[in-house]
N, C-alpha and C. Protein backbone atom coordinates (compact mmCIF):
# COMPACT_ATOMS: atom_id res chain seq x y z
N MET A 1 -10.15 -0.58 32.74
CA MET A 1 -10.60 0.06 31.52
C MET A 1 -9.60 1.14 31.07
N GLU A 2 -8.99 1.81 32.01
CA GLU A 2 -8.02 2.85 31.66
C GLU A 2 -6.78 2.25 31.03
N VAL A 3 -6.42 1.05 31.45
CA VAL A 3 -5.23 0.39 30.89
C VAL A 3 -5.47 0.05 29.43
N ILE A 4 -6.65 -0.43 29.11
CA ILE A 4 -6.98 -0.78 27.73
C ILE A 4 -6.94 0.47 26.85
N GLN A 5 -7.47 1.57 27.35
CA GLN A 5 -7.46 2.82 26.59
C GLN A 5 -6.03 3.30 26.35
N ALA A 6 -5.19 3.19 27.35
CA ALA A 6 -3.80 3.62 27.20
C ALA A 6 -3.07 2.75 26.17
N VAL A 7 -3.31 1.45 26.22
CA VAL A 7 -2.67 0.55 25.25
C VAL A 7 -3.15 0.88 23.84
N LEU A 8 -4.44 1.11 23.65
CA LEU A 8 -4.96 1.44 22.33
C LEU A 8 -4.41 2.77 21.82
N VAL A 9 -4.25 3.74 22.70
CA VAL A 9 -3.69 5.03 22.31
C VAL A 9 -2.25 4.86 21.85
N TYR A 10 -1.44 4.11 22.59
CA TYR A 10 -0.05 3.91 22.21
C TYR A 10 0.08 3.09 20.93
N LEU A 11 -0.77 2.11 20.74
CA LEU A 11 -0.74 1.34 19.50
C LEU A 11 -1.11 2.22 18.30
N THR A 12 -2.09 3.06 18.46
CA THR A 12 -2.50 3.97 17.39
C THR A 12 -1.40 4.97 17.09
N LEU A 13 -0.79 5.51 18.12
CA LEU A 13 0.32 6.44 17.93
C LEU A 13 1.49 5.76 17.22
N GLY A 14 1.82 4.55 17.65
CA GLY A 14 2.90 3.80 17.01
C GLY A 14 2.63 3.53 15.54
N TYR A 15 1.39 3.16 15.23
CA TYR A 15 1.02 2.90 13.84
C TYR A 15 1.12 4.19 13.01
N ALA A 16 0.68 5.30 13.57
CA ALA A 16 0.73 6.57 12.85
C ALA A 16 2.18 6.99 12.58
N VAL A 17 3.04 6.84 13.55
CA VAL A 17 4.45 7.19 13.37
C VAL A 17 5.10 6.28 12.33
N PHE A 18 4.79 4.98 12.40
CA PHE A 18 5.33 4.04 11.42
C PHE A 18 4.85 4.39 10.01
N PHE A 19 3.57 4.71 9.86
CA PHE A 19 3.02 5.05 8.55
C PHE A 19 3.69 6.29 7.98
N LEU A 20 3.84 7.32 8.80
CA LEU A 20 4.47 8.55 8.32
C LEU A 20 5.94 8.33 7.97
N ALA A 21 6.64 7.54 8.78
CA ALA A 21 8.04 7.25 8.48
C ALA A 21 8.15 6.46 7.18
N LYS A 22 7.27 5.50 7.00
CA LYS A 22 7.29 4.69 5.79
C LYS A 22 6.97 5.54 4.56
N LYS A 23 6.05 6.46 4.70
CA LYS A 23 5.59 7.26 3.56
C LYS A 23 6.59 8.36 3.20
N TYR A 24 7.18 9.03 4.19
CA TYR A 24 7.97 10.22 3.90
C TYR A 24 9.46 10.12 4.20
N ILE A 25 9.88 9.25 5.10
CA ILE A 25 11.27 9.26 5.53
C ILE A 25 12.08 8.12 4.93
N LEU A 26 11.56 6.90 5.01
CA LEU A 26 12.31 5.74 4.54
C LEU A 26 12.32 5.69 3.02
N PRO A 27 13.38 5.10 2.44
CA PRO A 27 13.44 4.99 0.98
C PRO A 27 12.35 4.05 0.45
N LYS A 28 12.00 4.24 -0.82
CA LYS A 28 10.89 3.48 -1.42
C LYS A 28 11.14 1.97 -1.41
N GLY A 29 12.35 1.54 -1.68
CA GLY A 29 12.64 0.12 -1.77
C GLY A 29 13.01 -0.53 -0.45
N PHE A 30 12.82 0.16 0.66
CA PHE A 30 13.24 -0.35 1.96
C PHE A 30 12.47 -1.61 2.35
N PHE A 31 11.18 -1.66 2.04
CA PHE A 31 10.36 -2.79 2.40
C PHE A 31 10.18 -3.77 1.25
N GLY A 32 10.76 -3.46 0.10
CA GLY A 32 10.65 -4.35 -1.05
C GLY A 32 9.25 -4.39 -1.65
N LEU A 33 8.49 -3.34 -1.46
CA LEU A 33 7.11 -3.33 -1.95
C LEU A 33 7.00 -2.79 -3.37
N LYS A 34 7.99 -2.03 -3.81
CA LYS A 34 7.90 -1.41 -5.12
C LYS A 34 8.46 -2.37 -6.16
N LYS A 35 7.57 -2.93 -6.95
CA LYS A 35 7.98 -3.84 -8.01
C LYS A 35 7.55 -3.25 -9.34
N GLU A 36 8.52 -3.08 -10.22
CA GLU A 36 8.21 -2.54 -11.53
C GLU A 36 8.27 -3.67 -12.55
N SER A 37 7.22 -3.78 -13.34
CA SER A 37 7.21 -4.79 -14.38
C SER A 37 7.53 -4.13 -15.71
N LYS A 38 8.08 -4.91 -16.63
CA LYS A 38 8.42 -4.38 -17.93
C LYS A 38 7.14 -4.06 -18.69
N GLY A 39 7.16 -2.97 -19.42
CA GLY A 39 6.01 -2.57 -20.20
C GLY A 39 4.89 -1.97 -19.38
N SER A 40 5.20 -1.50 -18.20
CA SER A 40 4.16 -0.92 -17.36
C SER A 40 3.73 0.42 -17.93
N CYS A 41 2.54 0.81 -17.59
CA CYS A 41 1.98 2.04 -18.11
C CYS A 41 2.81 3.23 -17.66
N GLY A 42 2.98 4.18 -18.54
CA GLY A 42 3.74 5.36 -18.22
C GLY A 42 5.06 5.40 -18.97
N GLN A 43 5.46 4.27 -19.51
CA GLN A 43 6.67 4.26 -20.31
C GLN A 43 6.29 4.53 -21.76
N ASP A 44 7.26 4.91 -22.56
CA ASP A 44 7.01 5.22 -23.97
C ASP A 44 6.51 3.99 -24.72
N ASN A 45 5.50 4.23 -25.57
CA ASN A 45 4.95 3.20 -26.45
C ASN A 45 4.45 1.97 -25.68
N CYS A 46 3.79 2.19 -24.58
CA CYS A 46 3.29 1.06 -23.81
C CYS A 46 1.96 0.53 -24.38
N GLY A 47 1.27 1.35 -25.20
CA GLY A 47 0.05 0.91 -25.83
C GLY A 47 -1.17 0.95 -24.91
N CYS A 48 -1.07 1.64 -23.82
CA CYS A 48 -2.21 1.66 -22.88
C CYS A 48 -3.04 2.93 -23.03
N HIS A 49 -2.60 3.89 -23.83
CA HIS A 49 -3.36 5.15 -23.97
C HIS A 49 -3.91 5.28 -25.37
């Protein structure tokens, strides 16, 4: 039972470190998740407001 707890703790710690690195340290386009489409809201004359 102690082994399972240790594995879960390390997995949780690893996920937390990865999340923080992804959010604050790594560049935005590193994982290719940021996709901008033309005419997206926030640009001038987008017609969404």
